[in-house]
Amino acid sequence: MKKQVLLLAAILGLATLTATAQKSTKFVTGTVSYTKATDVKATYSLNPTIGYYVTDKVSVGVLGEIGKDGDAKTTNVGVFGRCDFAKVAKNCDLFSQVDITANSSTIADVKTTSTSANLGLGANYHFNKKWALTMHVADLISYESADGNSTTTIGFSGLNNPFATAKFGVAYKF
């Protein structure tokens, strides 16, 4: 696991150092969700992301998550690298994203920590030069390590429709 995380970090760092930006652009994006049903505790999630384009197609940044699902509280912090690899329409482009996160969850006063690395796909639909609707589809490859145990998932494991688990948000470039 350590070798894989170090390799991903080295690739991300090398891409950042060797990239030459024609125009530096910063962006913020994120998703918010809230669910409340009768006789069930509320579930919420806040996922902010802050990034910086180092080239016209490559960006790096930080991401986070704060959430609660029943008695479980989660906090995740990480870094990501993103590559806009295809323009499928005038205002729509596809991206791939690799991220490495440190995760913490607390259930009934028992705290667990883990580290994860993910490779996923997403899309941006640009309304204008500043605003876009963003969609992150389920991860294609996921790796998680906690307490000496690790799990690797390849493909849309357990999902009949990967778009059913997509996260939608709004992006703003400045």
N, C-alpha and C. Protein backbone atom coordinates (compact mmCIF):
# COMPACT_ATOMS: atom_id res chain seq x y z
N MET A 1 0.83 -1.20 0.00
CA MET A 1 0.00 0.00 0.00
C MET A 1 0.87 1.25 0.00
N LYS A 2 1.88 1.29 0.89
CA LYS A 2 2.72 2.48 0.98
C LYS A 2 3.41 2.77 -0.35
N LYS A 3 3.87 1.71 -1.02
CA LYS A 3 4.54 1.91 -2.31
C LYS A 3 3.56 2.46 -3.34
N GLN A 4 2.32 1.96 -3.34
CA GLN A 4 1.33 2.44 -4.30
C GLN A 4 0.96 3.89 -4.05
N VAL A 5 0.78 4.26 -2.79
CA VAL A 5 0.45 5.64 -2.45
C VAL A 5 1.61 6.57 -2.79
N LEU A 6 2.84 6.14 -2.48
CA LEU A 6 4.01 6.96 -2.82
C LEU A 6 4.16 7.10 -4.33
N LEU A 7 3.88 6.03 -5.07
CA LEU A 7 3.96 6.11 -6.53
C LEU A 7 2.94 7.09 -7.09
N LEU A 8 1.69 7.01 -6.59
CA LEU A 8 0.66 7.96 -7.04
C LEU A 8 1.04 9.39 -6.69
N ALA A 9 1.57 9.60 -5.48
CA ALA A 9 1.98 10.94 -5.07
C ALA A 9 3.14 11.45 -5.93
N ALA A 10 4.08 10.56 -6.26
CA ALA A 10 5.21 10.96 -7.11
C ALA A 10 4.74 11.33 -8.51
N ILE A 11 3.83 10.56 -9.08
CA ILE A 11 3.30 10.87 -10.41
C ILE A 11 2.57 12.20 -10.39
N LEU A 12 1.75 12.40 -9.37
CA LEU A 12 1.00 13.65 -9.24
C LEU A 12 1.96 14.83 -9.08
N GLY A 13 2.98 14.67 -8.25
CA GLY A 13 3.96 15.74 -8.05
C GLY A 13 4.75 16.03 -9.31
N LEU A 14 5.17 14.99 -10.02
CA LEU A 14 5.91 15.16 -11.26
C LEU A 14 5.08 15.86 -12.32
N ALA A 15 3.82 15.47 -12.42
CA ALA A 15 2.93 16.13 -13.38
C ALA A 15 2.77 17.60 -13.05
N THR A 16 2.72 17.91 -11.76
CA THR A 16 2.57 19.30 -11.33
C THR A 16 3.83 20.10 -11.64
N LEU A 17 5.00 19.53 -11.36
CA LEU A 17 6.26 20.25 -11.57
C LEU A 17 6.60 20.43 -13.04
N THR A 18 6.24 19.44 -13.89
CA THR A 18 6.62 19.54 -15.29
C THR A 18 5.59 20.28 -16.14
N ALA A 19 4.43 20.53 -15.59
CA ALA A 19 3.39 21.21 -16.36
C ALA A 19 3.70 22.69 -16.48
N THR A 20 3.38 23.24 -17.63
CA THR A 20 3.55 24.68 -17.83
C THR A 20 2.19 25.29 -18.10
N ALA A 21 1.76 26.09 -17.20
CA ALA A 21 0.42 26.67 -17.31
C ALA A 21 0.44 27.89 -18.22
N GLN A 22 -0.49 27.92 -19.16
CA GLN A 22 -0.64 29.09 -19.99
C GLN A 22 -1.43 30.16 -19.25
N LYS A 23 -2.40 29.72 -18.46
CA LYS A 23 -3.20 30.64 -17.69
C LYS A 23 -3.63 29.93 -16.42
N SER A 24 -3.30 30.49 -15.28
CA SER A 24 -3.66 29.84 -14.02
C SER A 24 -5.12 30.12 -13.69
N THR A 25 -5.85 29.06 -13.41
CA THR A 25 -7.25 29.17 -13.07
C THR A 25 -7.50 28.37 -11.81
N LYS A 26 -8.17 28.99 -10.87
CA LYS A 26 -8.56 28.30 -9.65
C LYS A 26 -10.03 27.96 -9.75
N PHE A 27 -10.44 26.91 -9.02
CA PHE A 27 -11.86 26.57 -9.02
C PHE A 27 -12.26 25.99 -7.68
N VAL A 28 -13.52 26.13 -7.37
CA VAL A 28 -14.12 25.49 -6.20
C VAL A 28 -15.33 24.71 -6.71
N THR A 29 -15.54 23.57 -6.13
CA THR A 29 -16.68 22.75 -6.48
C THR A 29 -17.08 21.95 -5.25
N GLY A 30 -18.24 21.39 -5.28
CA GLY A 30 -18.65 20.59 -4.15
C GLY A 30 -20.07 20.11 -4.27
N THR A 31 -20.40 19.19 -3.39
CA THR A 31 -21.75 18.66 -3.33
C THR A 31 -22.24 18.73 -1.90
N VAL A 32 -23.54 18.82 -1.76
CA VAL A 32 -24.20 18.81 -0.46
C VAL A 32 -25.38 17.87 -0.57
N SER A 33 -25.56 17.01 0.43
CA SER A 33 -26.74 16.16 0.44
C SER A 33 -27.32 16.10 1.84
N TYR A 34 -28.64 15.96 1.93
CA TYR A 34 -29.35 15.87 3.20
C TYR A 34 -30.57 14.99 2.99
N THR A 35 -30.73 13.99 3.85
CA THR A 35 -31.88 13.10 3.78
C THR A 35 -32.48 12.93 5.17
N LYS A 36 -33.78 13.04 5.25
CA LYS A 36 -34.48 12.83 6.52
C LYS A 36 -35.77 12.10 6.24
N ALA A 37 -35.96 10.97 6.92
CA ALA A 37 -37.19 10.20 6.78
C ALA A 37 -37.84 10.06 8.15
N THR A 38 -39.10 9.73 8.18
CA THR A 38 -39.83 9.54 9.43
C THR A 38 -39.18 8.43 10.25
N ASP A 39 -38.98 8.68 11.53
CA ASP A 39 -38.42 7.72 12.48
C ASP A 39 -37.00 7.28 12.14
N VAL A 40 -36.28 8.06 11.34
CA VAL A 40 -34.91 7.76 10.98
C VAL A 40 -34.08 9.02 11.18
N LYS A 41 -32.86 8.86 11.74
CA LYS A 41 -31.99 10.01 11.93
C LYS A 41 -31.58 10.59 10.58
N ALA A 42 -31.37 11.89 10.57
CA ALA A 42 -30.97 12.58 9.33
C ALA A 42 -29.59 12.12 8.88
N THR A 43 -29.41 12.12 7.57
CA THR A 43 -28.14 11.81 6.95
C THR A 43 -27.72 13.03 6.14
N TYR A 44 -26.46 13.45 6.29
CA TYR A 44 -25.99 14.58 5.50
C TYR A 44 -24.54 14.37 5.09
N SER A 45 -24.14 15.09 4.05
CA SER A 45 -22.77 15.04 3.56
C SER A 45 -22.43 16.36 2.89
N LEU A 46 -21.25 16.88 3.18
CA LEU A 46 -20.73 18.11 2.58
C LEU A 46 -19.36 17.78 2.02
N ASN A 47 -19.18 17.96 0.70
CA ASN A 47 -17.96 17.59 0.00
C ASN A 47 -17.35 18.77 -0.75
N PRO A 48 -16.56 19.64 -0.10
CA PRO A 48 -15.93 20.75 -0.83
C PRO A 48 -14.63 20.32 -1.51
N THR A 49 -14.32 20.97 -2.62
CA THR A 49 -13.09 20.74 -3.37
C THR A 49 -12.55 22.08 -3.84
N ILE A 50 -11.25 22.26 -3.70
CA ILE A 50 -10.58 23.47 -4.18
C ILE A 50 -9.44 23.02 -5.07
N GLY A 51 -9.37 23.57 -6.30
CA GLY A 51 -8.35 23.13 -7.23
C GLY A 51 -7.70 24.27 -7.99
N TYR A 52 -6.64 23.91 -8.70
CA TYR A 52 -5.84 24.87 -9.45
C TYR A 52 -5.42 24.19 -10.76
N TYR A 53 -5.74 24.81 -11.89
CA TYR A 53 -5.32 24.28 -13.18
C TYR A 53 -3.86 24.65 -13.43
N VAL A 54 -3.02 23.63 -13.58
CA VAL A 54 -1.60 23.87 -13.87
C VAL A 54 -1.36 23.91 -15.38
N THR A 55 -2.28 23.34 -16.16
CA THR A 55 -2.31 23.49 -17.62
C THR A 55 -3.78 23.67 -17.99
N ASP A 56 -4.06 23.73 -19.28
CA ASP A 56 -5.44 23.87 -19.72
C ASP A 56 -6.27 22.63 -19.39
N LYS A 57 -5.63 21.48 -19.21
CA LYS A 57 -6.35 20.23 -19.00
C LYS A 57 -6.06 19.53 -17.68
N VAL A 58 -5.01 19.91 -16.97
CA VAL A 58 -4.59 19.22 -15.74
C VAL A 58 -4.75 20.15 -14.54
N SER A 59 -5.39 19.62 -13.49
CA SER A 59 -5.55 20.40 -12.26
C SER A 59 -5.19 19.54 -11.05
N VAL A 60 -4.81 20.20 -9.97
CA VAL A 60 -4.50 19.56 -8.70
C VAL A 60 -5.22 20.34 -7.60
N GLY A 61 -5.42 19.70 -6.47
CA GLY A 61 -6.09 20.41 -5.39
C GLY A 61 -6.31 19.56 -4.16
N VAL A 62 -7.14 20.09 -3.27
CA VAL A 62 -7.48 19.42 -2.02
C VAL A 62 -8.99 19.19 -1.98
N LEU A 63 -9.37 18.15 -1.26
CA LEU A 63 -10.79 17.83 -1.13
C LEU A 63 -11.08 17.40 0.30
N GLY A 64 -12.32 17.41 0.65
CA GLY A 64 -12.72 17.01 1.99
C GLY A 64 -14.14 16.50 2.01
N GLU A 65 -14.51 15.93 3.13
CA GLU A 65 -15.89 15.48 3.33
C GLU A 65 -16.19 15.49 4.82
N ILE A 66 -17.35 15.99 5.14
CA ILE A 66 -17.88 15.93 6.49
C ILE A 66 -19.27 15.34 6.35
N GLY A 67 -19.57 14.32 7.12
CA GLY A 67 -20.88 13.71 6.97
C GLY A 67 -21.33 12.95 8.19
N LYS A 68 -22.61 12.61 8.18
CA LYS A 68 -23.20 11.82 9.25
C LYS A 68 -24.26 10.92 8.63
N ASP A 69 -24.22 9.65 9.00
CA ASP A 69 -25.20 8.68 8.53
C ASP A 69 -25.62 7.85 9.74
N GLY A 70 -26.76 8.15 10.31
CA GLY A 70 -27.20 7.48 11.54
C GLY A 70 -26.28 7.86 12.68
N ASP A 71 -25.64 6.87 13.30
CA ASP A 71 -24.70 7.12 14.39
C ASP A 71 -23.26 7.29 13.91
N ALA A 72 -23.02 7.14 12.63
CA ALA A 72 -21.67 7.23 12.08
C ALA A 72 -21.36 8.65 11.62
N LYS A 73 -20.24 9.19 12.08
CA LYS A 73 -19.76 10.49 11.63
C LYS A 73 -18.46 10.26 10.87
N THR A 74 -18.31 10.94 9.72
CA THR A 74 -17.12 10.77 8.90
C THR A 74 -16.46 12.11 8.62
N THR A 75 -15.15 12.08 8.52
CA THR A 75 -14.35 13.22 8.12
C THR A 75 -13.23 12.69 7.23
N ASN A 76 -13.13 13.23 6.04
CA ASN A 76 -12.09 12.82 5.08
C ASN A 76 -11.38 14.05 4.54
N VAL A 77 -10.06 13.97 4.40
CA VAL A 77 -9.26 15.05 3.84
C VAL A 77 -8.25 14.42 2.88
N GLY A 78 -8.08 15.04 1.71
CA GLY A 78 -7.14 14.47 0.76
C GLY A 78 -6.69 15.42 -0.32
N VAL A 79 -5.93 14.87 -1.25
CA VAL A 79 -5.43 15.62 -2.41
C VAL A 79 -5.88 14.90 -3.67
N PHE A 80 -5.95 15.62 -4.78
CA PHE A 80 -6.36 15.01 -6.03
C PHE A 80 -5.61 15.59 -7.20
N GLY A 81 -5.61 14.84 -8.28
CA GLY A 81 -5.14 15.28 -9.58
C GLY A 81 -6.23 14.95 -10.59
N ARG A 82 -6.50 15.86 -11.49
CA ARG A 82 -7.60 15.69 -12.44
C ARG A 82 -7.10 16.03 -13.83
N CYS A 83 -7.57 15.26 -14.81
CA CYS A 83 -7.23 15.50 -16.21
C CYS A 83 -8.51 15.55 -17.04
N ASP A 84 -8.76 16.69 -17.68
CA ASP A 84 -9.88 16.82 -18.61
C ASP A 84 -9.43 16.18 -19.92
N PHE A 85 -9.97 15.01 -20.25
CA PHE A 85 -9.42 14.25 -21.36
C PHE A 85 -10.27 14.23 -22.62
N ALA A 86 -11.54 14.63 -22.57
CA ALA A 86 -12.35 14.59 -23.78
C ALA A 86 -13.42 15.67 -23.75
N LYS A 87 -13.61 16.30 -24.86
CA LYS A 87 -14.70 17.26 -25.01
C LYS A 87 -15.77 16.56 -25.84
N VAL A 88 -16.93 16.27 -25.21
CA VAL A 88 -17.96 15.49 -25.89
C VAL A 88 -19.03 16.35 -26.54
N ALA A 89 -19.06 17.62 -26.18
CA ALA A 89 -19.98 18.58 -26.80
C ALA A 89 -19.38 19.96 -26.59
N LYS A 90 -20.02 20.97 -27.15
CA LYS A 90 -19.50 22.33 -27.05
C LYS A 90 -19.26 22.75 -25.60
N ASN A 91 -20.18 22.41 -24.71
CA ASN A 91 -20.09 22.85 -23.31
C ASN A 91 -19.83 21.71 -22.34
N CYS A 92 -19.53 20.51 -22.80
CA CYS A 92 -19.40 19.36 -21.91
C CYS A 92 -18.06 18.67 -22.11
N ASP A 93 -17.35 18.42 -21.00
CA ASP A 93 -16.10 17.68 -21.07
C ASP A 93 -16.07 16.59 -20.00
N LEU A 94 -15.28 15.56 -20.27
CA LEU A 94 -15.10 14.44 -19.35
C LEU A 94 -13.76 14.58 -18.66
N PHE A 95 -13.67 14.11 -17.41
CA PHE A 95 -12.40 14.13 -16.70
C PHE A 95 -12.20 12.83 -15.94
N SER A 96 -10.93 12.52 -15.70
CA SER A 96 -10.58 11.43 -14.80
C SER A 96 -9.90 12.07 -13.60
N GLN A 97 -10.08 11.45 -12.45
CA GLN A 97 -9.53 12.03 -11.22
C GLN A 97 -8.94 10.93 -10.35
N VAL A 98 -7.74 11.16 -9.87
CA VAL A 98 -7.13 10.26 -8.89
C VAL A 98 -7.01 11.05 -7.59
N ASP A 99 -7.39 10.41 -6.47
CA ASP A 99 -7.28 11.10 -5.19
C ASP A 99 -6.76 10.15 -4.12
N ILE A 100 -6.12 10.74 -3.13
CA ILE A 100 -5.62 10.02 -1.97
C ILE A 100 -6.17 10.73 -0.74
N THR A 101 -6.85 10.00 0.15
CA THR A 101 -7.49 10.62 1.30
C THR A 101 -7.18 9.89 2.59
N ALA A 102 -7.18 10.67 3.65
CA ALA A 102 -7.11 10.14 5.02
C ALA A 102 -8.53 10.22 5.57
N ASN A 103 -9.04 9.10 6.04
CA ASN A 103 -10.43 9.01 6.45
C ASN A 103 -10.52 8.72 7.96
N SER A 104 -11.52 9.30 8.57
CA SER A 104 -11.79 9.07 9.99
C SER A 104 -13.29 8.91 10.17
N SER A 105 -13.68 7.86 10.88
CA SER A 105 -15.10 7.67 11.17
C SER A 105 -15.27 7.29 12.64
N THR A 106 -16.38 7.74 13.20
CA THR A 106 -16.69 7.45 14.59
C THR A 106 -18.09 6.86 14.65
N ILE A 107 -18.18 5.66 15.21
CA ILE A 107 -19.47 5.00 15.41
C ILE A 107 -19.53 4.59 16.88
N ALA A 108 -20.51 5.12 17.59
CA ALA A 108 -20.71 4.81 19.01
C ALA A 108 -19.41 4.99 19.80
N ASP A 109 -18.77 6.13 19.65
CA ASP A 109 -17.54 6.49 20.35
C ASP A 109 -16.34 5.61 20.01
N VAL A 110 -16.41 4.82 18.96
CA VAL A 110 -15.28 4.02 18.49
C VAL A 110 -14.78 4.67 17.21
N LYS A 111 -13.53 5.16 17.26
CA LYS A 111 -12.96 5.88 16.12
C LYS A 111 -12.07 4.95 15.31
N THR A 112 -12.25 4.96 14.00
CA THR A 112 -11.39 4.21 13.10
C THR A 112 -10.82 5.16 12.05
N THR A 113 -9.61 4.86 11.62
CA THR A 113 -8.97 5.66 10.59
C THR A 113 -8.54 4.74 9.45
N SER A 114 -8.47 5.31 8.26
CA SER A 114 -8.04 4.55 7.10
C SER A 114 -7.44 5.51 6.07
N THR A 115 -6.80 4.93 5.09
CA THR A 115 -6.25 5.68 3.96
C THR A 115 -6.83 5.06 2.70
N SER A 116 -7.20 5.90 1.75
CA SER A 116 -7.76 5.37 0.51
C SER A 116 -7.20 6.09 -0.70
N ALA A 117 -7.20 5.39 -1.82
CA ALA A 117 -6.80 5.95 -3.11
C ALA A 117 -7.86 5.52 -4.12
N ASN A 118 -8.29 6.45 -4.96
CA ASN A 118 -9.37 6.18 -5.91
C ASN A 118 -9.05 6.75 -7.27
N LEU A 119 -9.54 6.08 -8.31
CA LEU A 119 -9.48 6.59 -9.67
C LEU A 119 -10.90 6.58 -10.20
N GLY A 120 -11.40 7.75 -10.58
CA GLY A 120 -12.79 7.84 -11.02
C GLY A 120 -12.96 8.68 -12.26
N LEU A 121 -14.19 8.75 -12.71
CA LEU A 121 -14.56 9.53 -13.89
C LEU A 121 -15.61 10.56 -13.51
N GLY A 122 -15.68 11.62 -14.31
CA GLY A 122 -16.69 12.63 -14.09
C GLY A 122 -16.90 13.46 -15.33
N ALA A 123 -17.83 14.39 -15.23
CA ALA A 123 -18.14 15.27 -16.36
C ALA A 123 -18.48 16.65 -15.85
N ASN A 124 -18.19 17.65 -16.66
CA ASN A 124 -18.56 19.03 -16.38
C ASN A 124 -19.40 19.55 -17.54
N TYR A 125 -20.52 20.20 -17.21
CA TYR A 125 -21.32 20.89 -18.22
C TYR A 125 -21.22 22.38 -17.91
N HIS A 126 -20.56 23.13 -18.79
CA HIS A 126 -20.29 24.54 -18.57
C HIS A 126 -21.44 25.42 -19.06
N PHE A 127 -22.02 26.19 -18.14
CA PHE A 127 -23.07 27.15 -18.50
C PHE A 127 -22.45 28.38 -19.14
N ASN A 128 -21.28 28.78 -18.63
CA ASN A 128 -20.51 29.89 -19.18
C ASN A 128 -19.05 29.68 -18.76
N LYS A 129 -18.20 30.68 -18.87
CA LYS A 129 -16.78 30.51 -18.55
C LYS A 129 -16.52 30.34 -17.06
N LYS A 130 -17.45 30.74 -16.22
CA LYS A 130 -17.26 30.69 -14.77
C LYS A 130 -17.99 29.52 -14.09
N TRP A 131 -19.19 29.18 -14.53
CA TRP A 131 -20.05 28.22 -13.83
C TRP A 131 -20.22 26.92 -14.60
N ALA A 132 -20.27 25.81 -13.85
CA ALA A 132 -20.49 24.50 -14.47
C ALA A 132 -21.25 23.60 -13.50
N LEU A 133 -22.00 22.69 -14.07
CA LEU A 133 -22.62 21.61 -13.32
C LEU A 133 -21.65 20.44 -13.43
N THR A 134 -21.33 19.81 -12.30
CA THR A 134 -20.36 18.72 -12.31
C THR A 134 -21.00 17.43 -11.82
N MET A 135 -20.52 16.32 -12.36
CA MET A 135 -21.01 15.01 -11.96
C MET A 135 -19.81 14.09 -11.79
N HIS A 136 -19.70 13.46 -10.62
CA HIS A 136 -18.66 12.47 -10.36
C HIS A 136 -19.32 11.11 -10.30
N VAL A 137 -18.95 10.24 -11.25
CA VAL A 137 -19.52 8.89 -11.31
C VAL A 137 -18.75 8.02 -10.32
N ALA A 138 -19.28 6.90 -9.95
CA ALA A 138 -18.63 5.97 -9.02
C ALA A 138 -17.19 5.69 -9.45
N ASP A 139 -16.31 5.43 -8.49
CA ASP A 139 -14.90 5.18 -8.79
C ASP A 139 -14.70 3.88 -9.57
N LEU A 140 -13.76 3.90 -10.51
CA LEU A 140 -13.42 2.71 -11.29
C LEU A 140 -12.49 1.79 -10.52
N ILE A 141 -11.53 2.38 -9.80
CA ILE A 141 -10.59 1.61 -8.99
C ILE A 141 -10.51 2.27 -7.62
N SER A 142 -10.64 1.47 -6.58
CA SER A 142 -10.56 1.98 -5.21
C SER A 142 -9.66 1.08 -4.39
N TYR A 143 -8.87 1.69 -3.52
CA TYR A 143 -8.01 0.96 -2.59
C TYR A 143 -8.19 1.59 -1.22
N GLU A 144 -8.40 0.77 -0.20
CA GLU A 144 -8.53 1.29 1.16
C GLU A 144 -7.74 0.40 2.10
N SER A 145 -7.03 1.05 3.03
CA SER A 145 -6.24 0.34 4.02
C SER A 145 -6.60 0.85 5.40
N ALA A 146 -6.95 -0.09 6.30
CA ALA A 146 -7.31 0.26 7.67
C ALA A 146 -6.85 -0.86 8.60
N ASP A 147 -6.14 -0.51 9.64
CA ASP A 147 -5.71 -1.47 10.66
C ASP A 147 -5.01 -2.69 10.07
N GLY A 148 -4.17 -2.49 9.08
CA GLY A 148 -3.42 -3.59 8.48
C GLY A 148 -4.20 -4.40 7.46
N ASN A 149 -5.48 -4.12 7.28
CA ASN A 149 -6.29 -4.80 6.27
C ASN A 149 -6.50 -3.88 5.09
N SER A 150 -6.46 -4.44 3.89
CA SER A 150 -6.67 -3.61 2.71
C SER A 150 -7.71 -4.24 1.79
N THR A 151 -8.38 -3.37 1.04
CA THR A 151 -9.41 -3.79 0.10
C THR A 151 -9.18 -3.06 -1.22
N THR A 152 -9.17 -3.81 -2.32
CA THR A 152 -9.07 -3.23 -3.65
C THR A 152 -10.32 -3.58 -4.43
N THR A 153 -10.93 -2.59 -5.06
CA THR A 153 -12.14 -2.79 -5.85
C THR A 153 -11.87 -2.24 -7.25
N ILE A 154 -12.16 -3.06 -8.26
CA ILE A 154 -11.98 -2.63 -9.64
C ILE A 154 -13.33 -2.74 -10.34
N GLY A 155 -13.72 -1.69 -11.03
CA GLY A 155 -15.00 -1.67 -11.73
C GLY A 155 -16.10 -1.14 -10.84
N PHE A 156 -17.29 -1.14 -11.35
CA PHE A 156 -18.45 -0.66 -10.61
C PHE A 156 -18.99 -1.80 -9.77
N SER A 157 -18.22 -2.23 -8.78
CA SER A 157 -18.57 -3.39 -7.97
C SER A 157 -19.90 -3.20 -7.24
N GLY A 158 -20.80 -4.16 -7.44
CA GLY A 158 -22.08 -4.14 -6.73
C GLY A 158 -23.09 -3.16 -7.25
N LEU A 159 -22.79 -2.49 -8.36
CA LEU A 159 -23.71 -1.50 -8.90
C LEU A 159 -24.28 -1.97 -10.24
N ASN A 160 -25.58 -1.97 -10.34
CA ASN A 160 -26.20 -2.27 -11.62
C ASN A 160 -26.14 -1.06 -12.54
N ASN A 161 -26.21 0.13 -11.93
CA ASN A 161 -26.20 1.37 -12.68
C ASN A 161 -25.27 2.35 -11.99
N PRO A 162 -24.04 2.56 -12.48
CA PRO A 162 -23.10 3.46 -11.81
C PRO A 162 -23.60 4.89 -11.72
N PHE A 163 -24.50 5.29 -12.62
CA PHE A 163 -25.02 6.65 -12.58
C PHE A 163 -26.01 6.85 -11.44
N ALA A 164 -26.49 5.76 -10.84
CA ALA A 164 -27.39 5.88 -9.69
C ALA A 164 -26.65 6.38 -8.46
N THR A 165 -25.33 6.20 -8.40
CA THR A 165 -24.54 6.66 -7.26
C THR A 165 -23.75 7.92 -7.58
N ALA A 166 -24.01 8.52 -8.71
CA ALA A 166 -23.28 9.73 -9.11
C ALA A 166 -23.55 10.86 -8.14
N LYS A 167 -22.53 11.70 -7.94
CA LYS A 167 -22.67 12.89 -7.10
C LYS A 167 -22.69 14.10 -8.03
N PHE A 168 -23.69 14.94 -7.85
CA PHE A 168 -23.83 16.14 -8.65
C PHE A 168 -23.47 17.35 -7.82
N GLY A 169 -22.85 18.34 -8.45
CA GLY A 169 -22.48 19.55 -7.74
C GLY A 169 -22.35 20.72 -8.70
N VAL A 170 -21.87 21.81 -8.16
CA VAL A 170 -21.67 23.04 -8.92
C VAL A 170 -20.21 23.43 -8.82
N ALA A 171 -19.65 23.90 -9.92
CA ALA A 171 -18.26 24.36 -9.95
C ALA A 171 -18.22 25.83 -10.35
N TYR A 172 -17.26 26.55 -9.75
CA TYR A 172 -17.05 27.96 -10.08
C TYR A 172 -15.57 28.19 -10.32
N LYS A 173 -15.20 28.73 -11.47
CA LYS A 173 -13.81 29.06 -11.80
C LYS A 173 -13.57 30.55 -11.57
N PHE A 174 -12.41 30.86 -11.01
CA PHE A 174 -12.05 32.27 -10.83
C PHE A 174 -10.59 32.49 -11.10
